[in-house]
Amino acid sequence: MRRLYSKEIVAERKARLVQSIATLKQQGIKPRLTAIICSEDAAAQSYVAVKRKHTNEVGAAFEAVDLSGVRDQDDDARAIQALCARPDVHGAILVMSSKPETDELDLANLIPAEKDVDGLSASNLGALVQHGAKQRFTEPATPKACMALASSVSEIAGKRVAVIGRGRTVGRPLANMLISAGATVTVCHSGTKDIPLITREAEIVFVATGRPKGFGREYFRDGQLVIDAGIGFIDGKVSGDVDSAALEDLDLTLTPVPGGVGPLTSVLILENLLQLIERSRENHR
């Protein structure tokens, strides 16, 4: 088994971000990313820590607003609207648990498209599905990272692809991005029968369910490219969805967790942030 790390891609993209942010600062603009935290679980805290690290490293400002102690959704909504209305907040991400206590969709859609760096609001996801040639929208960062890593190894167009997971943040938008890229896509989920039979037929497999080490050797075969976008914890340690130890004797390529999709997602969120700043400037010229 070969491991596909994102380190080189991340370093190259971060170097460009450092230059772009330095230029913006000279023009009186300091990009600011705000994380709105609505969860106390370990995965959410880890997610925020990684985003803070990458944001600081490229010279942008990072702000974390903890709403995890707020139990009234109306109070959450008012706080999110107030944050997004601030002119010094150029982009916002909503950090939820895998089992949110509040309605994630309602809160996510309070982030306006012009500040939605995660690309997960209804307006951005709707434009992604429509796939209009002249539409301008923000692509979801994690699926975008999955696509970038897969494309660094293999042409996606014409490939048979399996996506395990149908979540709003990864699986569903990723499937649409793959279709737009020319792949033939099968989406597997909890209601799918005989998933290993489907995934072993695919040339590229994307896994995004949040089930740590939930997918072992029976799901994969030699010659595949496997992109693991899952994140969870086992005994306090970060783990992906794929049981990588069970795949050691297979001749395939796997993105590790940590070190694969996650770091690249952080960088792509920052690229989306600068894209939104540029669009805002264009609209005000």
C-alpha atoms as a PDB file:
ATOM      1  CA  MET A   1       0.000   0.000   0.000  1.00  0.00           C
ATOM      2  CA  ARG A   2       1.192   3.485  -0.906  1.00  0.00           C
ATOM      3  CA  ARG A   3       0.197   6.517   1.153  1.00  0.00           C
ATOM      4  CA  LEU A   4      -0.753   9.709  -0.638  1.00  0.00           C
ATOM      5  CA  TYR A   5       0.061  12.647   1.612  1.00  0.00           C
ATOM      6  CA  SER A   6      -1.098  16.173   0.802  1.00  0.00           C
ATOM      7  CA  LYS A   7       2.057  17.811   2.193  1.00  0.00           C
ATOM      8  CA  GLU A   8       3.536  18.951  -1.130  1.00  0.00           C
ATOM      9  CA  ILE A   9       0.246  20.272  -2.519  1.00  0.00           C
ATOM     10  CA  VAL A  10      -0.437  22.070   0.768  1.00  0.00           C
ATOM     11  CA  ALA A  11       3.016  23.688   0.834  1.00  0.00           C
ATOM     12  CA  GLU A  12       2.690  24.953  -2.733  1.00  0.00           C
ATOM     13  CA  ARG A  13      -0.782  26.414  -2.192  1.00  0.00           C
ATOM     14  CA  LYS A  14       0.138  27.955   1.167  1.00  0.00           C
ATOM     15  CA  ALA A  15       3.101  29.726  -0.393  1.00  0.00           C
ATOM     16  CA  ARG A  16       0.750  31.373  -2.891  1.00  0.00           C
ATOM     17  CA  LEU A  17      -1.651  32.285  -0.088  1.00  0.00           C
ATOM     18  CA  VAL A  18       1.128  33.980   1.900  1.00  0.00           C
ATOM     19  CA  GLN A  19       1.956  36.193  -1.086  1.00  0.00           C
ATOM     20  CA  SER A  20      -1.674  37.037  -1.826  1.00  0.00           C
ATOM     21  CA  ILE A  21      -2.474  37.879   1.793  1.00  0.00           C
ATOM     22  CA  ALA A  22       0.639  40.060   2.086  1.00  0.00           C
ATOM     23  CA  THR A  23      -0.555  41.998  -0.961  1.00  0.00           C
ATOM     24  CA  LEU A  24      -4.023  42.448   0.518  1.00  0.00           C
ATOM     25  CA  LYS A  25      -2.542  43.722   3.773  1.00  0.00           C
ATOM     26  CA  GLN A  26      -0.558  46.326   1.837  1.00  0.00           C
ATOM     27  CA  GLN A  27      -3.894  47.448   0.414  1.00  0.00           C
ATOM     28  CA  GLY A  28      -5.404  47.754   3.876  1.00  0.00           C
ATOM     29  CA  ILE A  29      -7.287  44.439   3.952  1.00  0.00           C
ATOM     30  CA  LYS A  30      -6.508  41.758   6.532  1.00  0.00           C
ATOM     31  CA  PRO A  31      -8.466  38.612   5.657  1.00  0.00           C
ATOM     32  CA  ARG A  32     -10.349  37.224   8.646  1.00  0.00           C
ATOM     33  CA  LEU A  33     -11.829  33.758   9.007  1.00  0.00           C
ATOM     34  CA  THR A  34     -14.346  33.195  11.787  1.00  0.00           C
ATOM     35  CA  ALA A  35     -15.191  29.733  13.116  1.00  0.00           C
ATOM     36  CA  ILE A  36     -18.622  29.543  14.716  1.00  0.00           C
ATOM     37  CA  ILE A  37     -18.439  26.602  17.131  1.00  0.00           C
ATOM     38  CA  CYS A  38     -21.713  24.872  17.969  1.00  0.00           C
ATOM     39  CA  SER A  39     -20.278  21.670  19.433  1.00  0.00           C
ATOM     40  CA  GLU A  40     -18.158  20.564  22.370  1.00  0.00           C
ATOM     41  CA  ASP A  41     -17.056  17.222  20.914  1.00  0.00           C
ATOM     42  CA  ALA A  42     -13.426  16.321  20.254  1.00  0.00           C
ATOM     43  CA  ALA A  43     -13.712  16.211  16.467  1.00  0.00           C
ATOM     44  CA  ALA A  44     -15.051  19.768  16.374  1.00  0.00           C
ATOM     45  CA  GLN A  45     -12.290  21.057  18.627  1.00  0.00           C
ATOM     46  CA  SER A  46      -9.646  19.310  16.516  1.00  0.00           C
ATOM     47  CA  TYR A  47     -11.160  20.803  13.361  1.00  0.00           C
ATOM     48  CA  VAL A  48     -10.965  24.329  14.788  1.00  0.00           C
ATOM     49  CA  ALA A  49      -7.375  23.871  15.991  1.00  0.00           C
ATOM     50  CA  VAL A  50      -6.216  22.812  12.523  1.00  0.00           C
ATOM     51  CA  LYS A  51      -8.018  25.733  10.856  1.00  0.00           C
ATOM     52  CA  ARG A  52      -6.471  28.172  13.329  1.00  0.00           C
ATOM     53  CA  LYS A  53      -2.983  26.786  12.683  1.00  0.00           C
ATOM     54  CA  HIS A  54      -3.180  27.064   8.895  1.00  0.00           C
ATOM     55  CA  THR A  55      -4.817  30.498   8.988  1.00  0.00           C
ATOM     56  CA  ASN A  56      -2.121  31.907  11.256  1.00  0.00           C
ATOM     57  CA  GLU A  57       0.630  30.384   9.136  1.00  0.00           C
ATOM     58  CA  VAL A  58      -0.454  32.250   5.997  1.00  0.00           C
ATOM     59  CA  GLY A  59      -0.815  35.562   7.825  1.00  0.00           C
ATOM     60  CA  ALA A  60      -4.590  35.849   7.960  1.00  0.00           C
ATOM     61  CA  ALA A  61      -6.636  36.528  11.087  1.00  0.00           C
ATOM     62  CA  PHE A  62      -8.567  33.751  12.802  1.00  0.00           C
ATOM     63  CA  GLU A  63     -11.391  34.151  15.272  1.00  0.00           C
ATOM     64  CA  ALA A  64     -13.267  31.382  17.088  1.00  0.00           C
ATOM     65  CA  VAL A  65     -16.672  32.169  18.558  1.00  0.00           C
ATOM     66  CA  ASP A  66     -17.910  29.458  20.902  1.00  0.00           C
ATOM     67  CA  LEU A  67     -21.679  29.019  20.879  1.00  0.00           C
ATOM     68  CA  SER A  68     -21.577  25.429  22.145  1.00  0.00           C
ATOM     69  CA  GLY A  69     -23.088  26.459  25.463  1.00  0.00           C
ATOM     70  CA  VAL A  70     -26.061  28.139  23.795  1.00  0.00           C
ATOM     71  CA  ARG A  71     -29.067  25.801  23.872  1.00  0.00           C
ATOM     72  CA  ASP A  72     -31.629  28.074  22.222  1.00  0.00           C
ATOM     73  CA  GLN A  73     -31.496  27.973  18.416  1.00  0.00           C
ATOM     74  CA  ASP A  74     -32.901  31.485  18.113  1.00  0.00           C
ATOM     75  CA  ASP A  75     -29.980  32.792  20.190  1.00  0.00           C
ATOM     76  CA  ASP A  76     -27.586  30.846  17.956  1.00  0.00           C
ATOM     77  CA  ALA A  77     -29.202  32.369  14.881  1.00  0.00           C
ATOM     78  CA  ARG A  78     -28.968  35.931  16.184  1.00  0.00           C
ATOM     79  CA  ALA A  79     -25.299  35.477  17.077  1.00  0.00           C
ATOM     80  CA  ILE A  80     -24.451  34.028  13.650  1.00  0.00           C
ATOM     81  CA  GLN A  81     -26.277  36.813  11.818  1.00  0.00           C
ATOM     82  CA  ALA A  82     -24.475  39.444  13.886  1.00  0.00           C
ATOM     83  CA  LEU A  83     -21.073  37.902  13.183  1.00  0.00           C
ATOM     84  CA  CYS A  84     -21.675  37.631   9.447  1.00  0.00           C
ATOM     85  CA  ALA A  85     -22.820  41.254   9.322  1.00  0.00           C
ATOM     86  CA  ARG A  86     -19.449  42.480  10.566  1.00  0.00           C
ATOM     87  CA  PRO A  87     -17.388  44.025   7.740  1.00  0.00           C
ATOM     88  CA  ASP A  88     -14.134  42.711   9.236  1.00  0.00           C
ATOM     89  CA  VAL A  89     -15.366  39.094   8.956  1.00  0.00           C
ATOM     90  CA  HIS A  90     -14.632  38.026   5.386  1.00  0.00           C
ATOM     91  CA  GLY A  91     -15.604  34.388   5.762  1.00  0.00           C
ATOM     92  CA  ALA A  92     -17.286  32.105   8.270  1.00  0.00           C
ATOM     93  CA  ILE A  93     -17.429  28.371   8.889  1.00  0.00           C
ATOM     94  CA  LEU A  94     -19.983  26.569  11.029  1.00  0.00           C
ATOM     95  CA  VAL A  95     -18.500  23.839  13.239  1.00  0.00           C
ATOM     96  CA  MET A  96     -21.067  21.237  14.298  1.00  0.00           C
ATOM     97  CA  SER A  97     -20.863  17.794  15.887  1.00  0.00           C
ATOM     98  CA  SER A  98     -21.641  14.647  13.917  1.00  0.00           C
ATOM     99  CA  LYS A  99     -24.930  14.520  15.871  1.00  0.00           C
ATOM    100  CA  PRO A 100     -25.903  18.183  16.240  1.00  0.00           C
ATOM    101  CA  GLU A 101     -28.333  19.174  18.960  1.00  0.00           C
ATOM    102  CA  THR A 102     -29.705  22.013  16.809  1.00  0.00           C
ATOM    103  CA  ASP A 103     -30.861  22.162  13.189  1.00  0.00           C
ATOM    104  CA  GLU A 104     -27.623  22.348  11.213  1.00  0.00           C
ATOM    105  CA  LEU A 105     -29.322  23.300   7.939  1.00  0.00           C
ATOM    106  CA  ASP A 106     -31.093  26.327   9.396  1.00  0.00           C
ATOM    107  CA  LEU A 107     -27.874  27.591  10.964  1.00  0.00           C
ATOM    108  CA  ALA A 108     -25.698  26.905   7.900  1.00  0.00           C
ATOM    109  CA  ASN A 109     -28.085  28.841   5.686  1.00  0.00           C
ATOM    110  CA  LEU A 110     -27.735  31.905   7.906  1.00  0.00           C
ATOM    111  CA  ILE A 111     -24.216  32.335   6.552  1.00  0.00           C
ATOM    112  CA  PRO A 112     -24.626  34.459   3.401  1.00  0.00           C
ATOM    113  CA  ALA A 113     -23.144  33.104   0.179  1.00  0.00           C
ATOM    114  CA  GLU A 114     -20.621  35.956   0.046  1.00  0.00           C
ATOM    115  CA  LYS A 115     -19.131  34.774   3.357  1.00  0.00           C
ATOM    116  CA  ASP A 116     -19.682  31.023   3.040  1.00  0.00           C
ATOM    117  CA  VAL A 117     -16.094  29.786   2.710  1.00  0.00           C
ATOM    118  CA  ASP A 118     -17.168  26.177   3.276  1.00  0.00           C
ATOM    119  CA  GLY A 119     -19.530  26.322   0.286  1.00  0.00           C
ATOM    120  CA  LEU A 120     -22.287  24.533   2.209  1.00  0.00           C
ATOM    121  CA  SER A 121     -25.153  27.032   2.185  1.00  0.00           C
ATOM    122  CA  ALA A 122     -28.212  26.298   0.069  1.00  0.00           C
ATOM    123  CA  SER A 123     -27.260  28.923  -2.513  1.00  0.00           C
ATOM    124  CA  ASN A 124     -23.789  27.486  -3.069  1.00  0.00           C
ATOM    125  CA  LEU A 125     -24.887  23.850  -3.090  1.00  0.00           C
ATOM    126  CA  GLY A 126     -27.770  24.696  -5.408  1.00  0.00           C
ATOM    127  CA  ALA A 127     -25.415  26.337  -7.893  1.00  0.00           C
ATOM    128  CA  LEU A 128     -23.099  23.332  -7.650  1.00  0.00           C
ATOM    129  CA  VAL A 129     -25.921  20.979  -8.637  1.00  0.00           C
ATOM    130  CA  GLN A 130     -27.128  23.270 -11.425  1.00  0.00           C
ATOM    131  CA  HIS A 131     -23.576  23.433 -12.829  1.00  0.00           C
ATOM    132  CA  GLY A 132     -24.241  26.481 -14.975  1.00  0.00           C
ATOM    133  CA  ALA A 133     -21.333  27.586 -17.156  1.00  0.00           C
ATOM    134  CA  LYS A 134     -21.584  31.216 -16.036  1.00  0.00           C
ATOM    135  CA  GLN A 135     -22.459  30.639 -12.386  1.00  0.00           C
ATOM    136  CA  ARG A 136     -20.116  31.867  -9.698  1.00  0.00           C
ATOM    137  CA  PHE A 137     -20.249  29.944  -6.458  1.00  0.00           C
ATOM    138  CA  THR A 138     -17.985  28.602  -3.738  1.00  0.00           C
ATOM    139  CA  GLU A 139     -17.154  24.912  -4.025  1.00  0.00           C
ATOM    140  CA  PRO A 140     -17.374  22.902  -0.768  1.00  0.00           C
ATOM    141  CA  ALA A 141     -13.869  22.693   0.648  1.00  0.00           C
ATOM    142  CA  THR A 142     -13.650  19.034   1.708  1.00  0.00           C
ATOM    143  CA  PRO A 143     -15.024  17.596  -1.552  1.00  0.00           C
ATOM    144  CA  LYS A 144     -12.751  20.022  -3.402  1.00  0.00           C
ATOM    145  CA  ALA A 145      -9.769  18.622  -1.465  1.00  0.00           C
ATOM    146  CA  CYS A 146     -10.855  15.069  -2.321  1.00  0.00           C
ATOM    147  CA  MET A 147     -11.012  15.988  -5.994  1.00  0.00           C
ATOM    148  CA  ALA A 148      -7.617  17.691  -5.932  1.00  0.00           C
ATOM    149  CA  LEU A 149      -5.905  14.702  -4.317  1.00  0.00           C
ATOM    150  CA  ALA A 150      -7.523  12.220  -6.680  1.00  0.00           C
ATOM    151  CA  SER A 151      -6.624  14.367  -9.703  1.00  0.00           C
ATOM    152  CA  SER A 152      -2.985  14.487  -8.580  1.00  0.00           C
ATOM    153  CA  VAL A 153      -2.784  10.730  -9.175  1.00  0.00           C
ATOM    154  CA  SER A 154      -5.353   9.896 -11.823  1.00  0.00           C
ATOM    155  CA  GLU A 155      -7.569  11.400 -14.497  1.00  0.00           C
ATOM    156  CA  ILE A 156     -11.126  11.428 -13.120  1.00  0.00           C
ATOM    157  CA  ALA A 157     -13.019  11.657 -16.404  1.00  0.00           C
ATOM    158  CA  GLY A 158     -14.174   8.239 -17.575  1.00  0.00           C
ATOM    159  CA  LYS A 159     -13.399   6.501 -14.298  1.00  0.00           C
ATOM    160  CA  ARG A 160     -15.766   4.243 -12.355  1.00  0.00           C
ATOM    161  CA  VAL A 161     -16.058   5.844  -8.939  1.00  0.00           C
ATOM    162  CA  ALA A 162     -17.709   4.808  -5.676  1.00  0.00           C
ATOM    163  CA  VAL A 163     -18.561   7.276  -2.930  1.00  0.00           C
ATOM    164  CA  ILE A 164     -19.336   5.800   0.492  1.00  0.00           C
ATOM    165  CA  GLY A 165     -21.414   8.363   2.362  1.00  0.00           C
ATOM    166  CA  ARG A 166     -24.249  10.673   1.341  1.00  0.00           C
ATOM    167  CA  GLY A 167     -23.792  13.493   3.850  1.00  0.00           C
ATOM    168  CA  ARG A 168     -24.467  17.123   2.981  1.00  0.00           C
ATOM    169  CA  THR A 169     -20.913  18.227   3.705  1.00  0.00           C
ATOM    170  CA  VAL A 170     -18.969  15.650   1.681  1.00  0.00           C
ATOM    171  CA  GLY A 171     -20.781  12.767  -0.009  1.00  0.00           C
ATOM    172  CA  ARG A 172     -23.601  14.558  -1.814  1.00  0.00           C
ATOM    173  CA  PRO A 173     -21.606  17.527  -3.167  1.00  0.00           C
ATOM    174  CA  LEU A 174     -18.661  15.265  -3.999  1.00  0.00           C
ATOM    175  CA  ALA A 175     -20.872  13.003  -6.103  1.00  0.00           C
ATOM    176  CA  ASN A 176     -22.067  16.001  -8.109  1.00  0.00           C
ATOM    177  CA  MET A 177     -18.525  17.318  -8.572  1.00  0.00           C
ATOM    178  CA  LEU A 178     -17.409  13.907  -9.821  1.00  0.00           C
ATOM    179  CA  ILE A 179     -20.300  13.737 -12.280  1.00  0.00           C
ATOM    180  CA  SER A 180     -19.378  17.197 -13.571  1.00  0.00           C
ATOM    181  CA  ALA A 181     -15.792  15.978 -13.979  1.00  0.00           C
ATOM    182  CA  GLY A 182     -16.948  13.120 -16.207  1.00  0.00           C
ATOM    183  CA  ALA A 183     -16.855  10.180 -13.806  1.00  0.00           C
ATOM    184  CA  THR A 184     -19.458   7.419 -13.558  1.00  0.00           C
ATOM    185  CA  VAL A 185     -20.523   7.534  -9.915  1.00  0.00           C
ATOM    186  CA  THR A 186     -22.219   5.121  -7.514  1.00  0.00           C
ATOM    187  CA  VAL A 187     -23.134   6.486  -4.085  1.00  0.00           C
ATOM    188  CA  CYS A 188     -23.263   3.932  -1.244  1.00  0.00           C
ATOM    189  CA  HIS A 189     -24.876   4.543   2.121  1.00  0.00           C
ATOM    190  CA  SER A 190     -26.503   2.799   5.074  1.00  0.00           C
ATOM    191  CA  GLY A 191     -29.339   1.558   2.883  1.00  0.00           C
ATOM    192  CA  THR A 192     -27.073   0.086   0.197  1.00  0.00           C
ATOM    193  CA  LYS A 193     -26.793  -3.691  -0.020  1.00  0.00           C
ATOM    194  CA  ASP A 194     -23.474  -5.472  -0.633  1.00  0.00           C
ATOM    195  CA  ILE A 195     -21.331  -2.324  -0.544  1.00  0.00           C
ATOM    196  CA  PRO A 196     -18.035  -4.284  -0.881  1.00  0.00           C
ATOM    197  CA  LEU A 197     -19.231  -5.707  -4.207  1.00  0.00           C
ATOM    198  CA  ILE A 198     -19.790  -2.170  -5.473  1.00  0.00           C
ATOM    199  CA  THR A 199     -16.614  -0.592  -4.128  1.00  0.00           C
ATOM    200  CA  ARG A 200     -14.339  -3.372  -5.387  1.00  0.00           C
ATOM    201  CA  GLU A 201     -15.612  -2.713  -8.915  1.00  0.00           C
ATOM    202  CA  ALA A 202     -14.600   0.960  -8.730  1.00  0.00           C
ATOM    203  CA  GLU A 203     -11.294   2.398  -9.846  1.00  0.00           C
ATOM    204  CA  ILE A 204     -11.462   5.249  -7.319  1.00  0.00           C
ATOM    205  CA  VAL A 205     -13.202   5.022  -3.930  1.00  0.00           C
ATOM    206  CA  PHE A 206     -14.031   8.003  -1.719  1.00  0.00           C
ATOM    207  CA  VAL A 207     -15.023   7.291   1.892  1.00  0.00           C
ATOM    208  CA  ALA A 208     -16.745   9.890   4.072  1.00  0.00           C
ATOM    209  CA  THR A 209     -18.979   8.516   6.815  1.00  0.00           C
ATOM    210  CA  GLY A 210     -17.354   9.393  10.144  1.00  0.00           C
ATOM    211  CA  ARG A 211     -17.085   5.725  11.147  1.00  0.00           C
ATOM    212  CA  PRO A 212     -13.490   5.330  12.411  1.00  0.00           C
ATOM    213  CA  LYS A 213     -11.838   2.259  10.848  1.00  0.00           C
ATOM    214  CA  GLY A 214     -15.249   1.150   9.640  1.00  0.00           C
ATOM    215  CA  PHE A 215     -14.046  -0.057   6.244  1.00  0.00           C
ATOM    216  CA  GLY A 216     -11.552  -2.901   6.043  1.00  0.00           C
ATOM    217  CA  ARG A 217      -9.922  -5.102   3.456  1.00  0.00           C
ATOM    218  CA  GLU A 218     -13.145  -6.595   2.047  1.00  0.00           C
ATOM    219  CA  TYR A 219     -14.117  -3.201   0.554  1.00  0.00           C
ATOM    220  CA  PHE A 220     -10.998  -2.772  -1.567  1.00  0.00           C
ATOM    221  CA  ARG A 221      -8.744  -4.465  -4.139  1.00  0.00           C
ATOM    222  CA  ASP A 222      -5.390  -4.034  -5.829  1.00  0.00           C
ATOM    223  CA  GLY A 223      -5.009  -1.132  -8.245  1.00  0.00           C
ATOM    224  CA  GLN A 224      -7.426   1.282  -6.595  1.00  0.00           C
ATOM    225  CA  LEU A 225      -7.063   4.870  -5.457  1.00  0.00           C
ATOM    226  CA  VAL A 226      -8.786   5.353  -2.082  1.00  0.00           C
ATOM    227  CA  ILE A 227      -9.496   8.836  -0.715  1.00  0.00           C
ATOM    228  CA  ASP A 228     -10.363   8.764   3.004  1.00  0.00           C
ATOM    229  CA  ALA A 229     -12.246  11.930   4.001  1.00  0.00           C
ATOM    230  CA  GLY A 230     -13.482  10.546   7.320  1.00  0.00           C
ATOM    231  CA  ILE A 231     -12.423  11.817  10.706  1.00  0.00           C
ATOM    232  CA  GLY A 232     -13.157  10.332  14.104  1.00  0.00           C
ATOM    233  CA  PHE A 233     -11.423   9.332  17.311  1.00  0.00           C
ATOM    234  CA  ILE A 234     -10.417   5.978  18.765  1.00  0.00           C
ATOM    235  CA  ASP A 235      -8.884   6.071  22.254  1.00  0.00           C
ATOM    236  CA  GLY A 236      -8.278   9.790  21.843  1.00  0.00           C
ATOM    237  CA  LYS A 237      -6.402   9.435  18.555  1.00  0.00           C
ATOM    238  CA  VAL A 238      -7.570  10.762  15.195  1.00  0.00           C
ATOM    239  CA  SER A 239      -8.672   8.044  12.804  1.00  0.00           C
ATOM    240  CA  GLY A 240     -10.043   7.898   9.294  1.00  0.00           C
ATOM    241  CA  ASP A 241     -12.900   5.772   8.023  1.00  0.00           C
ATOM    242  CA  VAL A 242     -10.558   3.265   6.380  1.00  0.00           C
ATOM    243  CA  ASP A 243      -8.792   0.616   8.455  1.00  0.00           C
ATOM    244  CA  SER A 244      -5.426   1.280   6.843  1.00  0.00           C
ATOM    245  CA  ALA A 245      -3.624  -1.488   8.749  1.00  0.00           C
ATOM    246  CA  ALA A 246      -5.880  -4.053   7.093  1.00  0.00           C
ATOM    247  CA  LEU A 247      -4.862  -2.799   3.633  1.00  0.00           C
ATOM    248  CA  GLU A 248      -1.084  -3.014   4.005  1.00  0.00           C
ATOM    249  CA  ASP A 249      -0.702  -6.011   1.681  1.00  0.00           C
ATOM    250  CA  LEU A 250      -2.848  -4.521  -1.084  1.00  0.00           C
ATOM    251  CA  ASP A 251      -1.315  -2.774  -4.099  1.00  0.00           C
ATOM    252  CA  LEU A 252      -3.340   0.437  -3.852  1.00  0.00           C
ATOM    253  CA  THR A 253      -2.928   4.108  -2.976  1.00  0.00           C
ATOM    254  CA  LEU A 254      -4.597   5.542   0.148  1.00  0.00           C
ATOM    255  CA  THR A 255      -4.744   9.047   1.630  1.00  0.00           C
ATOM    256  CA  PRO A 256      -3.810   8.752   5.335  1.00  0.00           C
ATOM    257  CA  VAL A 257      -5.619  10.307   8.281  1.00  0.00           C
ATOM    258  CA  PRO A 258      -4.121  12.551   9.452  1.00  0.00           C
ATOM    259  CA  GLY A 259      -2.013  13.964   6.632  1.00  0.00           C
ATOM    260  CA  GLY A 260      -4.315  13.579   3.645  1.00  0.00           C
ATOM    261  CA  VAL A 261      -7.615  15.328   3.005  1.00  0.00           C
ATOM    262  CA  GLY A 262      -7.710  17.374   6.231  1.00  0.00           C
ATOM    263  CA  PRO A 263      -4.702  19.702   5.751  1.00  0.00           C
ATOM    264  CA  LEU A 264      -5.652  20.385   2.145  1.00  0.00           C
ATOM    265  CA  THR A 265      -9.223  21.209   3.173  1.00  0.00           C
ATOM    266  CA  SER A 266      -7.889  23.890   5.526  1.00  0.00           C
ATOM    267  CA  VAL A 267      -5.887  25.479   2.729  1.00  0.00           C
ATOM    268  CA  LEU A 268      -8.798  25.369   0.294  1.00  0.00           C
ATOM    269  CA  ILE A 269     -11.023  27.118   2.841  1.00  0.00           C
ATOM    270  CA  LEU A 270      -8.455  29.925   2.871  1.00  0.00           C
ATOM    271  CA  GLU A 271      -8.352  29.990  -0.939  1.00  0.00           C
ATOM    272  CA  ASN A 272     -12.141  30.290  -0.881  1.00  0.00           C
ATOM    273  CA  LEU A 273     -11.788  33.138   1.615  1.00  0.00           C
ATOM    274  CA  LEU A 274      -9.560  35.123  -0.756  1.00  0.00           C
ATOM    275  CA  GLN A 275     -11.878  34.332  -3.656  1.00  0.00           C
ATOM    276  CA  LEU A 276     -14.805  35.820  -1.735  1.00  0.00           C
ATOM    277  CA  ILE A 277     -12.790  38.928  -0.863  1.00  0.00           C
ATOM    278  CA  GLU A 278     -11.915  39.429  -4.526  1.00  0.00           C
ATOM    279  CA  ARG A 279     -15.556  39.014  -5.603  1.00  0.00           C
ATOM    280  CA  SER A 280     -16.630  41.550  -3.001  1.00  0.00           C
ATOM    281  CA  ARG A 281     -14.074  44.037  -4.300  1.00  0.00           C
ATOM    282  CA  GLU A 282     -15.254  43.481  -7.877  1.00  0.00           C
ATOM    283  CA  ASN A 283     -18.842  44.170  -6.835  1.00  0.00           C
ATOM    284  CA  HIS A 284     -17.855  47.473  -5.240  1.00  0.00           C
ATOM    285  CA  ARG A 285     -15.707  48.797  -8.068  1.00  0.00           C
END
